[in-house]
Protein backbone atom coordinates (compact mmCIF):
# COMPACT_ATOMS: atom_id res chain seq x y z
CA UNK A 1 -25.26 16.37 -6.11
CA UNK A 2 -24.91 13.44 -3.73
CA UNK A 3 -21.82 12.91 -1.61
CA UNK A 4 -20.96 9.83 -3.68
CA UNK A 5 -21.12 11.67 -7.00
CA UNK A 6 -19.04 14.50 -5.60
CA UNK A 7 -16.46 11.94 -4.42
CA UNK A 8 -16.32 10.44 -7.94
CA UNK A 9 -15.79 13.90 -9.42
CA UNK A 10 -13.00 14.42 -6.90
CA UNK A 11 -11.34 11.23 -8.17
CA UNK A 12 -11.18 12.80 -11.64
CA UNK A 13 -9.75 16.04 -10.31
CA UNK A 14 -7.16 14.23 -8.19
CA UNK A 15 -6.17 12.16 -11.21
CA UNK A 16 -5.59 15.31 -13.29
CA UNK A 17 -3.51 16.86 -10.53
CA UNK A 18 -1.53 13.62 -10.20
CA UNK A 19 -0.56 13.46 -13.87
CA UNK A 20 0.21 17.19 -14.02
CA UNK A 21 3.15 16.47 -11.73
CA UNK A 22 5.05 14.09 -14.05
CA UNK A 23 8.12 13.77 -11.82
CA UNK A 24 6.07 12.54 -8.85
CA UNK A 25 3.99 10.27 -11.09
CA UNK A 26 7.10 8.78 -12.68
CA UNK A 27 8.73 7.86 -9.39
CA UNK A 28 5.45 6.52 -8.00
CA UNK A 29 5.40 3.99 -10.84
CA UNK A 30 9.17 3.49 -11.06
CA UNK A 31 9.95 2.65 -7.43
CA UNK A 32 8.36 -0.84 -7.27
CA UNK A 33 9.97 -1.93 -10.55
CA UNK A 34 13.28 -0.39 -9.52
CA UNK A 35 13.27 -2.25 -6.20
CA UNK A 36 12.24 -5.46 -7.98
CA UNK A 37 15.27 -5.21 -10.27
CA UNK A 38 17.64 -4.25 -7.43
CA UNK A 39 16.59 -7.05 -5.07
CA UNK A 40 16.63 -9.77 -7.73
CA UNK A 41 20.07 -8.57 -8.82
CA UNK A 42 21.52 -8.42 -5.30
CA UNK A 43 20.05 -11.62 -3.86
CA UNK A 44 20.28 -13.79 -6.96
CA UNK A 45 17.71 -16.37 -7.98
CA UNK A 46 17.93 -19.06 -5.31
CA UNK A 47 14.92 -21.02 -4.13
CA UNK A 48 12.94 -19.57 -1.22
CA UNK A 49 10.00 -21.10 0.68
CA UNK A 50 7.01 -18.78 0.31
CA UNK A 51 4.39 -21.20 1.69
CA UNK A 52 4.75 -24.49 3.59
CA UNK A 53 6.52 -26.86 1.16
CA UNK A 54 6.13 -24.37 -1.71
CA UNK A 55 9.45 -23.11 -3.10
CA UNK A 56 9.90 -20.50 -5.82
CA UNK A 57 12.80 -18.52 -7.24
CA UNK A 58 13.60 -15.32 -5.35
CA UNK A 59 12.82 -13.29 -8.48
CA UNK A 60 9.31 -14.74 -8.41
CA UNK A 61 9.00 -14.06 -4.68
CA UNK A 62 9.84 -10.39 -5.23
CA UNK A 63 7.09 -9.98 -7.82
CA UNK A 64 4.50 -10.61 -5.10
CA UNK A 65 6.51 -8.75 -2.46
CA UNK A 66 6.99 -5.62 -4.59
CA UNK A 67 3.31 -5.72 -5.52
CA UNK A 68 2.50 -5.47 -1.82
CA UNK A 69 5.07 -2.68 -1.47
CA UNK A 70 3.45 -0.81 -4.39
CA UNK A 71 0.06 -0.88 -2.66
CA UNK A 72 1.54 0.37 0.62
CA UNK A 73 3.52 3.09 -1.16
CA UNK A 74 0.53 4.37 -3.14
CA UNK A 75 -2.04 4.20 -0.35
CA UNK A 76 -0.11 4.86 2.84
CA UNK A 77 3.06 6.80 2.06
CA UNK A 78 1.70 8.98 -0.74
CA UNK A 79 -1.58 9.87 0.97
CA UNK A 80 0.07 10.69 4.31
CA UNK A 81 2.74 12.94 2.79
CA UNK A 82 0.52 14.67 0.23
CA UNK A 83 -2.30 15.38 2.68
CA UNK A 84 0.22 16.76 5.20
CA UNK A 85 1.64 19.12 2.59
CA UNK A 86 -1.84 20.24 1.51
CA UNK A 87 -2.82 20.90 5.12
CA UNK A 88 0.36 22.88 5.80
CA UNK A 89 -0.13 24.99 2.66
CA UNK A 90 -3.70 25.87 3.67
CA UNK A 91 -5.27 23.92 0.79
CA UNK A 92 -7.33 21.69 3.07
CA UNK A 93 -8.58 24.70 5.00
CA UNK A 94 -9.78 26.38 1.79
CA UNK A 95 -11.42 23.17 0.59
CA UNK A 96 -13.17 22.86 3.94
CA UNK A 97 -14.66 26.32 3.34
CA UNK A 98 -16.27 25.27 0.03
CA UNK A 99 -19.61 23.44 -0.42
CA UNK A 100 -17.66 20.23 -1.13
CA UNK A 101 -18.21 17.86 1.83
CA UNK A 102 -15.03 16.81 3.55
CA UNK A 103 -16.03 13.16 3.25
CA UNK A 104 -16.29 13.50 -0.53
CA UNK A 105 -12.86 15.08 -0.79
CA UNK A 106 -11.08 12.48 1.34
CA UNK A 107 -13.04 9.59 -0.20
CA UNK A 108 -12.01 10.83 -3.65
CA UNK A 109 -8.35 10.85 -2.64
CA UNK A 110 -8.62 7.35 -1.18
CA UNK A 111 -10.37 5.97 -4.28
CA UNK A 112 -7.73 7.51 -6.54
CA UNK A 113 -4.98 5.94 -4.41
CA UNK A 114 -6.69 2.54 -4.70
CA UNK A 115 -6.86 2.91 -8.49
CA UNK A 116 -3.16 3.82 -8.66
CA UNK A 117 -2.37 0.80 -6.47
CA UNK A 118 -4.15 -1.55 -8.89
CA UNK A 119 -2.29 -0.03 -11.85
CA UNK A 120 1.04 -0.41 -10.06
CA UNK A 121 0.35 -4.05 -9.26
CA UNK A 122 -0.71 -4.74 -12.85
CA UNK A 123 2.55 -3.24 -14.14
CA UNK A 124 4.57 -5.19 -11.59
CA UNK A 125 2.87 -8.50 -12.36
CA UNK A 126 3.22 -7.94 -16.11
CA UNK A 127 6.92 -7.17 -15.72
CA UNK A 128 7.38 -10.28 -13.60
CA UNK A 129 5.60 -12.45 -16.14
CA UNK A 130 7.72 -11.16 -19.03
CA UNK A 131 11.15 -11.18 -17.38
CA UNK A 132 10.85 -13.75 -14.55
CA UNK A 133 8.11 -16.10 -15.79
CA UNK A 134 6.12 -15.34 -12.63
CA UNK A 135 2.59 -16.38 -13.57
CA UNK A 136 -0.52 -15.54 -11.58
CA UNK A 137 -3.04 -18.38 -11.74
CA UNK A 138 -6.57 -17.59 -12.92
CA UNK A 139 -7.77 -19.82 -10.05
CA UNK A 140 -6.41 -17.42 -7.42
CA UNK A 141 -7.00 -14.17 -9.35
CA UNK A 142 -10.20 -13.28 -7.38
CA UNK A 143 -8.27 -13.70 -4.10
CA UNK A 144 -5.45 -11.55 -5.46
CA UNK A 145 -7.85 -8.75 -6.43
CA UNK A 146 -9.73 -8.86 -3.12
CA UNK A 147 -6.45 -8.85 -1.18
CA UNK A 148 -5.23 -5.78 -3.08
CA UNK A 149 -8.51 -3.96 -2.46
CA UNK A 150 -8.60 -4.75 1.28
CA UNK A 151 -4.94 -3.80 1.67
CA UNK A 152 -5.27 -0.60 -0.36
CA UNK A 153 -8.34 0.62 1.54
CA UNK A 154 -6.81 -0.24 4.93
CA UNK A 155 -3.45 1.40 4.28
CA UNK A 156 -5.18 4.48 2.87
CA UNK A 157 -7.11 4.79 6.14
CA UNK A 158 -3.88 4.36 8.08
CA UNK A 159 -2.27 7.02 5.88
CA UNK A 160 -4.95 9.50 6.91
CA UNK A 161 -4.58 8.41 10.54
CA UNK A 162 -0.82 9.04 10.63
CA UNK A 163 -1.38 12.66 9.54
CA UNK A 164 -2.92 13.31 12.95
CA UNK A 165 0.53 13.08 14.58
CA UNK A 166 2.49 14.90 11.86
CA UNK A 167 3.17 18.44 13.10
CA UNK A 168 4.05 20.03 9.75
CA UNK A 169 4.87 19.28 6.13
CA UNK A 170 8.63 19.30 6.68
CA UNK A 171 8.30 16.47 9.19
CA UNK A 172 5.93 14.39 7.03
CA UNK A 173 8.48 12.40 4.95
CA UNK A 174 10.60 11.58 8.00
CA UNK A 175 7.67 10.47 10.19
CA UNK A 176 5.93 8.49 7.46
CA UNK A 177 9.09 6.68 6.33
CA UNK A 178 10.15 6.01 9.92
CA UNK A 179 6.76 4.45 10.62
CA UNK A 180 6.82 2.07 7.65
CA UNK A 181 10.39 1.31 6.47
CA UNK A 182 11.53 -0.73 9.51
CA UNK A 183 8.33 -2.77 9.36
CA UNK A 184 8.86 -3.46 5.64
CA UNK A 185 12.23 -5.04 6.42
CA UNK A 186 10.69 -7.19 9.16
CA UNK A 187 7.57 -8.26 7.29
CA UNK A 188 8.54 -10.49 4.35
CA UNK A 189 8.63 -7.60 1.88
CA UNK A 190 12.24 -6.55 1.33
CA UNK A 191 13.85 -9.70 2.77
CA UNK A 192 12.27 -13.19 2.65
CA UNK A 193 11.65 -14.54 6.14
CA UNK A 194 12.80 -18.11 6.69
CA UNK A 195 12.90 -20.66 9.49
CA UNK A 196 16.24 -19.14 10.53
CA UNK A 197 14.65 -15.75 11.18
CA UNK A 198 14.96 -14.71 14.86
CA UNK A 199 11.86 -15.39 16.91
CA UNK A 200 11.49 -11.76 17.97
CA UNK A 201 11.22 -10.67 14.34
CA UNK A 202 8.32 -13.06 13.84
CA UNK A 203 6.57 -11.84 16.99
CA UNK A 204 7.01 -8.13 16.25
CA UNK A 205 6.08 -8.32 12.57
CA UNK A 206 2.86 -10.22 13.31
CA UNK A 207 1.60 -7.26 15.34
CA UNK A 208 1.45 -4.97 12.32
CA UNK A 209 -0.66 -5.25 9.15
CA UNK A 210 2.26 -5.27 6.69
CA UNK A 211 3.27 -8.86 7.47
CA UNK A 212 -0.31 -10.10 7.18
CA UNK A 213 -0.83 -8.22 3.92
CA UNK A 214 2.40 -9.65 2.48
CA UNK A 215 1.42 -13.19 3.42
CA UNK A 216 -2.07 -12.75 1.98
CA UNK A 217 -0.53 -11.50 -1.28
CA UNK A 218 1.90 -14.43 -1.38
CA UNK A 219 -0.87 -16.97 -0.79
CA UNK A 220 -3.01 -15.42 -3.53
CA UNK A 221 -0.04 -15.45 -5.91
CA UNK A 222 1.63 -18.78 -5.15
CA UNK A 223 -0.98 -21.11 -3.60
CA UNK A 224 -0.83 -24.42 -5.56
CA UNK A 225 -4.31 -25.45 -4.40
CA UNK A 226 -7.49 -23.79 -3.17
CA UNK A 227 -8.85 -20.33 -3.87
CA UNK A 228 -5.86 -18.41 -2.47
CA UNK A 229 -7.84 -16.50 0.14
CA UNK A 230 -6.02 -15.97 3.43
CA UNK A 231 -9.00 -14.90 5.50
CA UNK A 232 -7.18 -14.64 8.83
CA UNK A 233 -4.54 -12.28 7.46
CA UNK A 234 -7.17 -10.25 5.59
CA UNK A 235 -9.16 -9.89 8.82
CA UNK A 236 -6.10 -8.46 10.61
CA UNK A 237 -5.42 -6.02 7.76
CA UNK A 238 -9.07 -4.94 7.70
CA UNK A 239 -9.08 -4.49 11.50
CA UNK A 240 -6.09 -2.17 11.23
CA UNK A 241 -7.93 -0.28 8.49
CA UNK A 242 -10.96 0.19 10.73
CA UNK A 243 -8.68 1.40 13.50
CA UNK A 244 -7.06 3.89 11.12
CA UNK A 245 -10.47 5.11 9.97
CA UNK A 246 -11.63 5.67 13.56
CA UNK A 247 -8.47 7.62 14.40
CA UNK A 248 -8.79 9.72 11.23
CA UNK A 249 -12.46 10.53 11.85
CA UNK A 250 -11.76 11.47 15.47
CA UNK A 251 -8.52 13.45 15.16
CA UNK A 252 -8.07 14.55 11.52
CA UNK A 253 -7.52 18.30 11.21
CA UNK A 254 -8.07 20.54 8.18
CA UNK A 255 -6.13 23.56 9.35
CA UNK A 256 -2.33 23.95 9.55
CA UNK A 257 -0.88 23.27 12.96
CA UNK A 258 1.05 26.03 14.68
C-alpha cells in the first residue's frame, strides 16, 4: 500500500482509539463550550470592536475566539501531550519497528486532529448561533474553512515540534500549557484586545501565530464586506507551521528519553 493509503488507515485507527477513551473525548469537546459559557457569563454582553469600526456583542466575539481556541487545543495541545505519552510508554518505538512508515503514522495523527478541530468549530458555531445569534455569513464561509485548515495544520506541526524539547511524559502537560496559555491571554482569545491594551502586549503577541490566527478567524467570521480572507495573518500562521514541520523532521525522536 502507498504511504497515503496507510496514513488514511491510520486516521481510522486513531479515531477508534480516540472514542474508546470517552473521558478524554468528552473534555476535548466540552472545553471550548465550557469556556464560551464562562467568559460570556463573567464579562457580560457589552459591545467590543472586533474589526475597525465593526462592533459586536462580547458573546458573539467569544464564538469566534473559542473556535480558534478549539483548533489550537485539538491540534497543538492534544497532539503534543499524547505523542509525548506514547513515546514515553514505548509505543512510538514499537510502531517504528513495524512496516508502517513513520510519515504515515504521524500524518494520520495530524489528519485526525484536523478533523476533530473542524468538528469542534462546527459545534461551537452551532451553539453560538442558537444561544447568541452569532451568524456566520455564507459570503465568508470559504475564508473561514481555509483559515481553520491552515491553522489546524500549522498548530499540529508545532505540536510535534514542541515534543522535541519535552523530556518525559510527566513534564508534557506542564511544558505544553506553559508554552500556550500565556500567549492565549495576550492574543485576543481569552480577553478582547482594545485600543487601551498596553503597547508591549501588542508587540509580543504579534510575534506568535496565535494572535494572527485569532485575527484571521475574526475577519472570516465578522467581516461586513469582502471575502473574509486575511492573507497576511494566514501567511504568518503558515510560516510558523513550516518552521514547526522543519523542527519536527529534524529533531523528532521515536524512543523514550533517558
